[in-house]
Amino acid sequence: MAVLVDDPLWPAHGRLWAHLVSDTSLDELHAFAAAQNVPARAFDRDHYDVPADMLPALLAAGAEHVGGKELVRRLIGSGLRVKARERRRPL
């Protein structure tokens, strides 16, 4: 049971971004994100996109740092992963 964050490798808007997920539940993920002032608009179906400068605070609050492959493996294992074909569907 953990909130996980990977390395900020994804460039967008002049910044690098990481992913914040839960390997337990979306409720846990949303509660953690809200407590760390991650904007709700950063949520993308099964994860939050978080800028690199937020990582120190997320880690200090208890997020576990993992590599991208480990993050995806644990997200799939949790049953929370939204597949690419499902992402193309409107919310």
PDB file of N, CA and C in Angstrom:
ATOM      1  N   MET A   1       0.844  -1.178   0.000  1.00  0.00           N
ATOM      2  CA  MET A   1       0.000   0.000   0.000  1.00  0.00           C
ATOM      3  C   MET A   1       0.885   1.236   0.000  1.00  0.00           C
ATOM      4  N   ALA A   2       0.901   1.904  -1.155  1.00  0.00           N
ATOM      5  CA  ALA A   2       1.799   3.037  -1.255  1.00  0.00           C
ATOM      6  C   ALA A   2       1.361   3.999  -2.342  1.00  0.00           C
ATOM      7  N   VAL A   3       1.771   5.235  -2.156  1.00  0.00           N
ATOM      8  CA  VAL A   3       1.699   6.225  -3.220  1.00  0.00           C
ATOM      9  C   VAL A   3       3.094   6.269  -3.821  1.00  0.00           C
ATOM     10  N   LEU A   4       3.167   6.190  -5.129  1.00  0.00           N
ATOM     11  CA  LEU A   4       4.430   6.077  -5.843  1.00  0.00           C
ATOM     12  C   LEU A   4       4.638   7.271  -6.759  1.00  0.00           C
ATOM     13  N   VAL A   5       5.889   7.658  -6.933  1.00  0.00           N
ATOM     14  CA  VAL A   5       6.228   8.710  -7.894  1.00  0.00           C
ATOM     15  C   VAL A   5       7.458   8.253  -8.668  1.00  0.00           C
ATOM     16  N   ASP A   6       7.442   8.482  -9.973  1.00  0.00           N
ATOM     17  CA  ASP A   6       8.589   8.083 -10.793  1.00  0.00           C
ATOM     18  C   ASP A   6       9.474   9.284 -11.099  1.00  0.00           C
ATOM     19  N   ASP A   7      10.464   9.066 -11.951  1.00  0.00           N
ATOM     20  CA  ASP A   7      11.396  10.128 -12.311  1.00  0.00           C
ATOM     21  C   ASP A   7      10.735  11.132 -13.249  1.00  0.00           C
ATOM     22  N   PRO A   8      11.036  12.403 -13.090  1.00  0.00           N
ATOM     23  CA  PRO A   8      10.481  13.423 -13.984  1.00  0.00           C
ATOM     24  C   PRO A   8      11.218  13.418 -15.326  1.00  0.00           C
ATOM     25  N   LEU A   9      10.688  12.672 -16.272  1.00  0.00           N
ATOM     26  CA  LEU A   9      11.319  12.495 -17.574  1.00  0.00           C
ATOM     27  C   LEU A   9      10.500  13.057 -18.728  1.00  0.00           C
ATOM     28  N   TRP A  10       9.277  13.482 -18.451  1.00  0.00           N
ATOM     29  CA  TRP A  10       8.342  13.850 -19.508  1.00  0.00           C
ATOM     30  C   TRP A  10       8.304  15.361 -19.678  1.00  0.00           C
ATOM     31  N   PRO A  11       8.831  15.887 -20.804  1.00  0.00           N
ATOM     32  CA  PRO A  11       8.839  17.336 -21.006  1.00  0.00           C
ATOM     33  C   PRO A  11       7.478  17.857 -21.489  1.00  0.00           C
ATOM     34  N   ALA A  12       7.079  18.970 -20.926  1.00  0.00           N
ATOM     35  CA  ALA A  12       5.875  19.680 -21.371  1.00  0.00           C
ATOM     36  C   ALA A  12       5.857  21.047 -20.703  1.00  0.00           C
ATOM     37  N   HIS A  13       5.447  22.041 -21.447  1.00  0.00           N
ATOM     38  CA  HIS A  13       5.283  23.394 -20.902  1.00  0.00           C
ATOM     39  C   HIS A  13       6.574  23.927 -20.271  1.00  0.00           C
ATOM     40  N   GLY A  14       7.720  23.573 -20.848  1.00  0.00           N
ATOM     41  CA  GLY A  14       8.994  24.068 -20.359  1.00  0.00           C
ATOM     42  C   GLY A  14       9.467  23.453 -19.048  1.00  0.00           C
ATOM     43  N   ARG A  15       8.868  22.325 -18.659  1.00  0.00           N
ATOM     44  CA  ARG A  15       9.216  21.653 -17.410  1.00  0.00           C
ATOM     45  C   ARG A  15       9.313  20.153 -17.653  1.00  0.00           C
ATOM     46  N   LEU A  16       9.877  19.452 -16.679  1.00  0.00           N
ATOM     47  CA  LEU A  16       9.849  17.986 -16.693  1.00  0.00           C
ATOM     48  C   LEU A  16       8.792  17.522 -15.705  1.00  0.00           C
ATOM     49  N   TRP A  17       8.105  16.451 -16.066  1.00  0.00           N
ATOM     50  CA  TRP A  17       6.982  15.953 -15.278  1.00  0.00           C
ATOM     51  C   TRP A  17       7.184  14.496 -14.903  1.00  0.00           C
ATOM     52  N   ALA A  18       6.636  14.128 -13.748  1.00  0.00           N
ATOM     53  CA  ALA A  18       6.633  12.764 -13.236  1.00  0.00           C
ATOM     54  C   ALA A  18       5.179  12.313 -13.083  1.00  0.00           C
ATOM     55  N   HIS A  19       5.008  11.058 -12.706  1.00  0.00           N
ATOM     56  CA  HIS A  19       3.678  10.496 -12.475  1.00  0.00           C
ATOM     57  C   HIS A  19       3.533  10.116 -11.009  1.00  0.00           C
ATOM     58  N   LEU A  20       2.388  10.406 -10.451  1.00  0.00           N
ATOM     59  CA  LEU A  20       2.050  10.068  -9.071  1.00  0.00           C
ATOM     60  C   LEU A  20       0.879   9.096  -9.123  1.00  0.00           C
ATOM     61  N   VAL A  21       1.051   7.900  -8.547  1.00  0.00           N
ATOM     62  CA  VAL A  21       0.008   6.868  -8.577  1.00  0.00           C
ATOM     63  C   VAL A  21      -0.130   6.227  -7.196  1.00  0.00           C
ATOM     64  N   SER A  22      -1.189   5.470  -7.046  1.00  0.00           N
ATOM     65  CA  SER A  22      -1.367   4.616  -5.868  1.00  0.00           C
ATOM     66  C   SER A  22      -1.393   3.176  -6.338  1.00  0.00           C
ATOM     67  N   ASP A  23      -0.810   2.289  -5.535  1.00  0.00           N
ATOM     68  CA  ASP A  23      -0.914   0.870  -5.865  1.00  0.00           C
ATOM     69  C   ASP A  23      -2.026   0.209  -5.056  1.00  0.00           C
ATOM     70  N   THR A  24      -2.884   1.064  -4.457  1.00  0.00           N
ATOM     71  CA  THR A  24      -3.974   0.560  -3.628  1.00  0.00           C
ATOM     72  C   THR A  24      -5.347   1.027  -4.112  1.00  0.00           C
ATOM     73  N   SER A  25      -5.533   2.350  -4.177  1.00  0.00           N
ATOM     74  CA  SER A  25      -6.848   2.869  -4.542  1.00  0.00           C
ATOM     75  C   SER A  25      -6.753   4.304  -5.030  1.00  0.00           C
ATOM     76  N   LEU A  26      -7.744   4.676  -5.830  1.00  0.00           N
ATOM     77  CA  LEU A  26      -7.808   6.071  -6.272  1.00  0.00           C
ATOM     78  C   LEU A  26      -8.147   6.993  -5.103  1.00  0.00           C
ATOM     79  N   ASP A  27      -8.911   6.494  -4.134  1.00  0.00           N
ATOM     80  CA  ASP A  27      -9.214   7.313  -2.955  1.00  0.00           C
ATOM     81  C   ASP A  27      -7.929   7.695  -2.229  1.00  0.00           C
ATOM     82  N   GLU A  28      -7.023   6.723  -2.050  1.00  0.00           N
ATOM     83  CA  GLU A  28      -5.735   7.004  -1.410  1.00  0.00           C
ATOM     84  C   GLU A  28      -4.947   8.027  -2.227  1.00  0.00           C
ATOM     85  N   LEU A  29      -4.930   7.855  -3.534  1.00  0.00           N
ATOM     86  CA  LEU A  29      -4.201   8.766  -4.412  1.00  0.00           C
ATOM     87  C   LEU A  29      -4.761  10.180  -4.326  1.00  0.00           C
ATOM     88  N   HIS A  30      -6.081  10.316  -4.422  1.00  0.00           N
ATOM     89  CA  HIS A  30      -6.698  11.644  -4.368  1.00  0.00           C
ATOM     90  C   HIS A  30      -6.463  12.322  -3.015  1.00  0.00           C
ATOM     91  N   ALA A  31      -6.555  11.561  -1.938  1.00  0.00           N
ATOM     92  CA  ALA A  31      -6.338  12.130  -0.604  1.00  0.00           C
ATOM     93  C   ALA A  31      -4.892  12.613  -0.460  1.00  0.00           C
ATOM     94  N   PHE A  32      -3.946  11.810  -0.918  1.00  0.00           N
ATOM     95  CA  PHE A  32      -2.536  12.202  -0.832  1.00  0.00           C
ATOM     96  C   PHE A  32      -2.292  13.447  -1.683  1.00  0.00           C
ATOM     97  N   ALA A  33      -2.789  13.442  -2.908  1.00  0.00           N
ATOM     98  CA  ALA A  33      -2.591  14.580  -3.805  1.00  0.00           C
ATOM     99  C   ALA A  33      -3.198  15.857  -3.216  1.00  0.00           C
ATOM    100  N   ALA A  34      -4.398  15.760  -2.681  1.00  0.00           N
ATOM    101  CA  ALA A  34      -5.039  16.941  -2.093  1.00  0.00           C
ATOM    102  C   ALA A  34      -4.243  17.462  -0.907  1.00  0.00           C
ATOM    103  N   ALA A  35      -3.736  16.568  -0.076  1.00  0.00           N
ATOM    104  CA  ALA A  35      -2.945  16.975   1.098  1.00  0.00           C
ATOM    105  C   ALA A  35      -1.644  17.657   0.694  1.00  0.00           C
ATOM    106  N   GLN A  36      -1.153  17.349  -0.513  1.00  0.00           N
ATOM    107  CA  GLN A  36       0.099  17.941  -0.989  1.00  0.00           C
ATOM    108  C   GLN A  36      -0.135  19.073  -1.995  1.00  0.00           C
ATOM    109  N   ASN A  37      -1.371  19.530  -2.081  1.00  0.00           N
ATOM    110  CA  ASN A  37      -1.733  20.644  -2.963  1.00  0.00           C
ATOM    111  C   ASN A  37      -1.452  20.377  -4.440  1.00  0.00           C
ATOM    112  N   VAL A  38      -1.606  19.122  -4.847  1.00  0.00           N
ATOM    113  CA  VAL A  38      -1.526  18.793  -6.268  1.00  0.00           C
ATOM    114  C   VAL A  38      -2.891  19.156  -6.857  1.00  0.00           C
ATOM    115  N   PRO A  39      -2.931  20.005  -7.880  1.00  0.00           N
ATOM    116  CA  PRO A  39      -4.231  20.428  -8.416  1.00  0.00           C
ATOM    117  C   PRO A  39      -5.028  19.260  -9.000  1.00  0.00           C
ATOM    118  N   ALA A  40      -6.323  19.286  -8.801  1.00  0.00           N
ATOM    119  CA  ALA A  40      -7.198  18.231  -9.323  1.00  0.00           C
ATOM    120  C   ALA A  40      -7.083  18.129 -10.844  1.00  0.00           C
ATOM    121  N   ARG A  41      -6.812  19.239 -11.513  1.00  0.00           N
ATOM    122  CA  ARG A  41      -6.705  19.215 -12.976  1.00  0.00           C
ATOM    123  C   ARG A  41      -5.503  18.392 -13.458  1.00  0.00           C
ATOM    124  N   ALA A  42      -4.583  18.048 -12.553  1.00  0.00           N
ATOM    125  CA  ALA A  42      -3.405  17.252 -12.911  1.00  0.00           C
ATOM    126  C   ALA A  42      -3.728  15.759 -12.985  1.00  0.00           C
ATOM    127  N   PHE A  43      -4.941  15.365 -12.599  1.00  0.00           N
ATOM    128  CA  PHE A  43      -5.325  13.952 -12.618  1.00  0.00           C
ATOM    129  C   PHE A  43      -5.665  13.517 -14.036  1.00  0.00           C
ATOM    130  N   ASP A  44      -5.137  12.370 -14.451  1.00  0.00           N
ATOM    131  CA  ASP A  44      -5.367  11.836 -15.791  1.00  0.00           C
ATOM    132  C   ASP A  44      -5.752  10.361 -15.701  1.00  0.00           C
ATOM    133  N   ARG A  45      -6.963  10.090 -15.275  1.00  0.00           N
ATOM    134  CA  ARG A  45      -7.606   8.776 -15.230  1.00  0.00           C
ATOM    135  C   ARG A  45      -7.033   7.774 -14.242  1.00  0.00           C
ATOM    136  N   ASP A  46      -5.702   7.654 -14.133  1.00  0.00           N
ATOM    137  CA  ASP A  46      -5.133   6.709 -13.173  1.00  0.00           C
ATOM    138  C   ASP A  46      -3.882   7.253 -12.493  1.00  0.00           C
ATOM    139  N   HIS A  47      -3.539   8.507 -12.787  1.00  0.00           N
ATOM    140  CA  HIS A  47      -2.343   9.118 -12.215  1.00  0.00           C
ATOM    141  C   HIS A  47      -2.461  10.636 -12.221  1.00  0.00           C
ATOM    142  N   TYR A  48      -1.594  11.255 -11.454  1.00  0.00           N
ATOM    143  CA  TYR A  48      -1.434  12.704 -11.510  1.00  0.00           C
ATOM    144  C   TYR A  48      -0.121  12.988 -12.215  1.00  0.00           C
ATOM    145  N   ASP A  49      -0.100  14.004 -13.061  1.00  0.00           N
ATOM    146  CA  ASP A  49       1.135  14.520 -13.623  1.00  0.00           C
ATOM    147  C   ASP A  49       1.630  15.593 -12.663  1.00  0.00           C
ATOM    148  N   VAL A  50       2.870  15.434 -12.198  1.00  0.00           N
ATOM    149  CA  VAL A  50       3.417  16.384 -11.221  1.00  0.00           C
ATOM    150  C   VAL A  50       4.755  16.919 -11.726  1.00  0.00           C
ATOM    151  N   PRO A  51       4.991  18.221 -11.567  1.00  0.00           N
ATOM    152  CA  PRO A  51       6.250  18.793 -12.035  1.00  0.00           C
ATOM    153  C   PRO A  51       7.413  18.376 -11.136  1.00  0.00           C
ATOM    154  N   ALA A  52       8.605  18.364 -11.724  1.00  0.00           N
ATOM    155  CA  ALA A  52       9.811  17.932 -11.017  1.00  0.00           C
ATOM    156  C   ALA A  52      10.011  18.683  -9.707  1.00  0.00           C
ATOM    157  N   ASP A  53       9.673  19.957  -9.670  1.00  0.00           N
ATOM    158  CA  ASP A  53       9.928  20.732  -8.444  1.00  0.00           C
ATOM    159  C   ASP A  53       9.034  20.323  -7.277  1.00  0.00           C
ATOM    160  N   MET A  54       7.999  19.518  -7.520  1.00  0.00           N
ATOM    161  CA  MET A  54       7.142  19.029  -6.441  1.00  0.00           C
ATOM    162  C   MET A  54       7.683  17.760  -5.785  1.00  0.00           C
ATOM    163  N   LEU A  55       8.626  17.078  -6.451  1.00  0.00           N
ATOM    164  CA  LEU A  55       9.087  15.787  -5.943  1.00  0.00           C
ATOM    165  C   LEU A  55       9.626  15.830  -4.516  1.00  0.00           C
ATOM    166  N   PRO A  56      10.463  16.793  -4.138  1.00  0.00           N
ATOM    167  CA  PRO A  56      10.951  16.786  -2.751  1.00  0.00           C
ATOM    168  C   PRO A  56       9.823  16.791  -1.717  1.00  0.00           C
ATOM    169  N   ALA A  57       8.798  17.587  -1.943  1.00  0.00           N
ATOM    170  CA  ALA A  57       7.675  17.643  -1.000  1.00  0.00           C
ATOM    171  C   ALA A  57       6.890  16.336  -1.000  1.00  0.00           C
ATOM    172  N   LEU A  58       6.686  15.746  -2.173  1.00  0.00           N
ATOM    173  CA  LEU A  58       5.943  14.481  -2.260  1.00  0.00           C
ATOM    174  C   LEU A  58       6.695  13.365  -1.551  1.00  0.00           C
ATOM    175  N   LEU A  59       8.001  13.325  -1.738  1.00  0.00           N
ATOM    176  CA  LEU A  59       8.817  12.302  -1.071  1.00  0.00           C
ATOM    177  C   LEU A  59       8.840  12.523   0.436  1.00  0.00           C
ATOM    178  N   ALA A  60       8.944  13.774   0.863  1.00  0.00           N
ATOM    179  CA  ALA A  60       8.941  14.083   2.302  1.00  0.00           C
ATOM    180  C   ALA A  60       7.607  13.697   2.941  1.00  0.00           C
ATOM    181  N   ALA A  61       6.526  13.752   2.157  1.00  0.00           N
ATOM    182  CA  ALA A  61       5.196  13.403   2.666  1.00  0.00           C
ATOM    183  C   ALA A  61       4.942  11.902   2.654  1.00  0.00           C
ATOM    184  N   GLY A  62       5.889  11.127   2.089  1.00  0.00           N
ATOM    185  CA  GLY A  62       5.734   9.678   2.149  1.00  0.00           C
ATOM    186  C   GLY A  62       5.594   8.960   0.828  1.00  0.00           C
ATOM    187  N   ALA A  63       5.612   9.677  -0.294  1.00  0.00           N
ATOM    188  CA  ALA A  63       5.569   8.988  -1.581  1.00  0.00           C
ATOM    189  C   ALA A  63       6.846   8.165  -1.741  1.00  0.00           C
ATOM    190  N   GLU A  64       6.713   7.017  -2.354  1.00  0.00           N
ATOM    191  CA  GLU A  64       7.850   6.134  -2.591  1.00  0.00           C
ATOM    192  C   GLU A  64       8.385   6.388  -3.994  1.00  0.00           C
ATOM    193  N   HIS A  65       9.668   6.680  -4.113  1.00  0.00           N
ATOM    194  CA  HIS A  65      10.281   6.903  -5.416  1.00  0.00           C
ATOM    195  C   HIS A  65      10.605   5.564  -6.067  1.00  0.00           C
ATOM    196  N   VAL A  66      10.106   5.365  -7.279  1.00  0.00           N
ATOM    197  CA  VAL A  66      10.368   4.148  -8.042  1.00  0.00           C
ATOM    198  C   VAL A  66      10.670   4.537  -9.485  1.00  0.00           C
ATOM    199  N   GLY A  67      11.298   3.639 -10.217  1.00  0.00           N
ATOM    200  CA  GLY A  67      11.504   3.855 -11.643  1.00  0.00           C
ATOM    201  C   GLY A  67      10.190   3.729 -12.398  1.00  0.00           C
ATOM    202  N   GLY A  68      10.186   4.216 -13.618  1.00  0.00           N
ATOM    203  CA  GLY A  68       8.970   4.200 -14.420  1.00  0.00           C
ATOM    204  C   GLY A  68       8.412   2.808 -14.665  1.00  0.00           C
ATOM    205  N   LYS A  69       9.283   1.844 -14.935  1.00  0.00           N
ATOM    206  CA  LYS A  69       8.811   0.471 -15.181  1.00  0.00           C
ATOM    207  C   LYS A  69       8.179  -0.130 -13.933  1.00  0.00           C
ATOM    208  N   GLU A  70       8.787   0.139 -12.782  1.00  0.00           N
ATOM    209  CA  GLU A  70       8.227  -0.361 -11.517  1.00  0.00           C
ATOM    210  C   GLU A  70       6.885   0.295 -11.234  1.00  0.00           C
ATOM    211  N   LEU A  71       6.778   1.587 -11.499  1.00  0.00           N
ATOM    212  CA  LEU A  71       5.518   2.303 -11.281  1.00  0.00           C
ATOM    213  C   LEU A  71       4.405   1.671 -12.119  1.00  0.00           C
ATOM    214  N   VAL A  72       4.673   1.432 -13.391  1.00  0.00           N
ATOM    215  CA  VAL A  72       3.658   0.835 -14.270  1.00  0.00           C
ATOM    216  C   VAL A  72       3.341  -0.588 -13.825  1.00  0.00           C
ATOM    217  N   ARG A  73       4.348  -1.366 -13.468  1.00  0.00           N
ATOM    218  CA  ARG A  73       4.122  -2.746 -13.015  1.00  0.00           C
ATOM    219  C   ARG A  73       3.195  -2.769 -11.810  1.00  0.00           C
ATOM    220  N   ARG A  74       3.442  -1.886 -10.859  1.00  0.00           N
ATOM    221  CA  ARG A  74       2.618  -1.873  -9.647  1.00  0.00           C
ATOM    222  C   ARG A  74       1.239  -1.288  -9.910  1.00  0.00           C
ATOM    223  N   LEU A  75       1.135  -0.341 -10.824  1.00  0.00           N
ATOM    224  CA  LEU A  75      -0.172   0.204 -11.186  1.00  0.00           C
ATOM    225  C   LEU A  75      -1.011  -0.863 -11.870  1.00  0.00           C
ATOM    226  N   ILE A  76      -0.428  -1.617 -12.777  1.00  0.00           N
ATOM    227  CA  ILE A  76      -1.149  -2.718 -13.430  1.00  0.00           C
ATOM    228  C   ILE A  76      -1.561  -3.751 -12.385  1.00  0.00           C
ATOM    229  N   GLY A  77      -0.642  -4.108 -11.493  1.00  0.00           N
ATOM    230  CA  GLY A  77      -0.935  -5.094 -10.453  1.00  0.00           C
ATOM    231  C   GLY A  77      -2.068  -4.670  -9.530  1.00  0.00           C
ATOM    232  N   SER A  78      -2.253  -3.378  -9.365  1.00  0.00           N
ATOM    233  CA  SER A  78      -3.321  -2.878  -8.493  1.00  0.00           C
ATOM    234  C   SER A  78      -4.691  -2.967  -9.148  1.00  0.00           C
ATOM    235  N   GLY A  79      -4.707  -3.124 -10.474  1.00  0.00           N
ATOM    236  CA  GLY A  79      -5.976  -3.129 -11.199  1.00  0.00           C
ATOM    237  C   GLY A  79      -6.478  -1.739 -11.539  1.00  0.00           C
ATOM    238  N   LEU A  80      -5.694  -0.713 -11.245  1.00  0.00           N
ATOM    239  CA  LEU A  80      -6.123   0.667 -11.475  1.00  0.00           C
ATOM    240  C   LEU A  80      -5.676   1.229 -12.823  1.00  0.00           C
ATOM    241  N   ARG A  81      -4.806   0.537 -13.519  1.00  0.00           N
ATOM    242  CA  ARG A  81      -4.243   1.037 -14.782  1.00  0.00           C
ATOM    243  C   ARG A  81      -5.342   1.213 -15.820  1.00  0.00           C
ATOM    244  N   VAL A  82      -5.364   2.380 -16.463  1.00  0.00           N
ATOM    245  CA  VAL A  82      -6.263   2.638 -17.584  1.00  0.00           C
ATOM    246  C   VAL A  82      -5.450   2.412 -18.850  1.00  0.00           C
ATOM    247  N   LYS A  83      -5.892   1.488 -19.686  1.00  0.00           N
ATOM    248  CA  LYS A  83      -5.163   1.132 -20.899  1.00  0.00           C
ATOM    249  C   LYS A  83      -5.238   2.247 -21.936  1.00  0.00           C
ATOM    250  N   ALA A  84      -4.262   2.273 -22.836  1.00  0.00           N
ATOM    251  CA  ALA A  84      -4.161   3.325 -23.849  1.00  0.00           C
ATOM    252  C   ALA A  84      -5.448   3.456 -24.662  1.00  0.00           C
ATOM    253  N   ARG A  85      -6.035   2.342 -25.070  1.00  0.00           N
ATOM    254  CA  ARG A  85      -7.261   2.426 -25.890  1.00  0.00           C
ATOM    255  C   ARG A  85      -8.412   3.035 -25.097  1.00  0.00           C
ATOM    256  N   GLU A  86      -8.425   2.837 -23.775  1.00  0.00           N
ATOM    257  CA  GLU A  86      -9.470   3.421 -22.941  1.00  0.00           C
ATOM    258  C   GLU A  86      -9.232   4.912 -22.740  1.00  0.00           C
ATOM    259  N   ARG A  87      -7.978   5.362 -22.813  1.00  0.00           N
ATOM    260  CA  ARG A  87      -7.649   6.776 -22.669  1.00  0.00           C
ATOM    261  C   ARG A  87      -8.208   7.614 -23.808  1.00  0.00           C
ATOM    262  N   ARG A  88      -8.348   7.005 -24.961  1.00  0.00           N
ATOM    263  CA  ARG A  88      -8.836   7.740 -26.129  1.00  0.00           C
ATOM    264  C   ARG A  88     -10.326   8.025 -26.027  1.00  0.00           C
ATOM    265  N   ARG A  89     -11.006   7.323 -25.146  1.00  0.00           N
ATOM    266  CA  ARG A  89     -12.451   7.553 -24.968  1.00  0.00           C
ATOM    267  C   ARG A  89     -12.668   8.801 -24.129  1.00  0.00           C
ATOM    268  N   PRO A  90     -13.688   9.583 -24.465  1.00  0.00           N
ATOM    269  CA  PRO A  90     -13.988  10.755 -23.633  1.00  0.00           C
ATOM    270  C   PRO A  90     -14.418  10.332 -22.227  1.00  0.00           C
ATOM    271  N   LEU A  91     -14.136  11.188 -21.254  1.00  0.00           N
ATOM    272  CA  LEU A  91     -14.537  10.897 -19.873  1.00  0.00           C
ATOM    273  C   LEU A  91     -16.016  10.926 -19.688  1.00  0.00           C
TER     274      LEU A  91
END
